[in-house]
Amino acid sequence: MKLNTAMQITSYKKLAQYLRTSSSGQELKLQRGTNAKYLKDYSEDDVIDFVDFDVSATKLCMDERPALSRMLK
């Protein structure tokens, strides 16, 4: 059974990518490159970046990472 075009429902999803540096001397280039393998089939417009700069994974718990907290809400 073919649906009328007006009746078709398209599901639209956004993707989130979380990137973090633990010091000011680090770059996100390697993380972006690794993530690109997984995001290659999606438009850049469908990917929302959440980035924390200078946030140590060992010194701050997850609630103290601003971008991560926004992404998880």
Protein backbone atom coordinates (compact mmCIF):
# COMPACT_ATOMS: atom_id res chain seq x y z
CA MET A 1 0.00 0.00 0.00
CA LYS A 2 1.47 3.35 -1.04
CA LEU A 3 0.88 6.31 1.27
CA ASN A 4 -0.22 9.67 -0.03
CA THR A 5 2.71 12.11 0.12
CA ALA A 6 0.79 14.37 2.50
CA MET A 7 0.35 11.46 4.90
CA GLN A 8 3.97 10.34 5.01
CA ILE A 9 5.80 11.10 8.21
CA THR A 10 9.53 11.60 8.15
CA SER A 11 11.44 11.06 11.34
CA TYR A 12 14.23 13.62 11.75
CA LYS A 13 17.01 13.15 14.26
CA LYS A 14 20.01 15.18 15.26
CA LEU A 15 23.29 13.66 16.37
CA ALA A 16 25.47 14.89 19.21
CA GLN A 17 29.22 14.69 19.35
CA TYR A 18 31.11 15.49 22.52
CA LEU A 19 34.67 16.76 22.29
CA ARG A 20 36.97 17.70 25.16
CA THR A 21 40.47 18.97 25.73
CA SER A 22 42.11 18.67 29.11
CA SER A 23 44.65 21.44 28.55
CA SER A 24 44.96 24.57 26.47
CA GLY A 25 47.73 23.05 24.34
CA GLN A 26 45.52 20.29 22.97
CA GLU A 27 43.55 20.35 19.73
CA LEU A 28 40.30 18.68 18.76
CA LYS A 29 41.60 17.61 15.35
CA LEU A 30 42.27 13.97 16.32
CA GLN A 31 38.90 13.58 18.06
CA ARG A 32 37.05 15.12 15.11
CA GLY A 33 38.91 12.81 12.72
CA THR A 34 37.99 9.74 14.73
CA ASN A 35 34.35 10.81 14.99
CA ALA A 36 34.21 11.57 11.26
CA LYS A 37 34.37 7.83 10.53
CA TYR A 38 31.07 7.39 12.35
CA LEU A 39 29.44 10.59 11.12
CA LYS A 40 30.33 10.26 7.41
CA ASP A 41 26.80 9.24 6.42
CA TYR A 42 25.21 12.28 8.06
CA SER A 43 25.01 15.91 7.02
CA GLU A 44 27.05 18.39 9.07
CA ASP A 45 23.75 20.19 9.69
CA ASP A 46 22.51 17.11 11.58
CA VAL A 47 25.45 17.03 14.01
CA ILE A 48 25.46 19.21 17.12
CA ASP A 49 28.88 19.77 18.69
CA PHE A 50 29.29 19.94 22.44
CA VAL A 51 32.83 21.04 23.31
CA ASP A 52 34.56 21.47 26.64
CA PHE A 53 37.99 23.16 26.59
CA ASP A 54 40.54 22.80 29.37
CA VAL A 55 38.42 20.30 31.30
CA SER A 56 40.30 17.48 32.97
CA ALA A 57 38.50 14.13 33.02
CA THR A 58 40.24 13.17 36.26
CA LYS A 59 39.77 16.43 38.16
CA LEU A 60 36.15 17.26 37.32
CA CYS A 61 33.13 15.02 37.60
CA MET A 62 30.66 14.84 34.73
CA ASP A 63 28.29 17.47 36.24
CA GLU A 64 31.13 20.00 36.22
CA ARG A 65 31.66 19.78 32.46
CA PRO A 66 29.37 22.47 30.98
CA ALA A 67 29.06 21.14 27.42
CA LEU A 68 28.60 17.55 28.56
CA SER A 69 25.88 18.64 30.98
CA ARG A 70 24.05 20.53 28.19
CA MET A 71 24.30 17.53 25.88
CA LEU A 72 22.86 15.14 28.47
CA LYS A 73 19.82 17.33 29.22
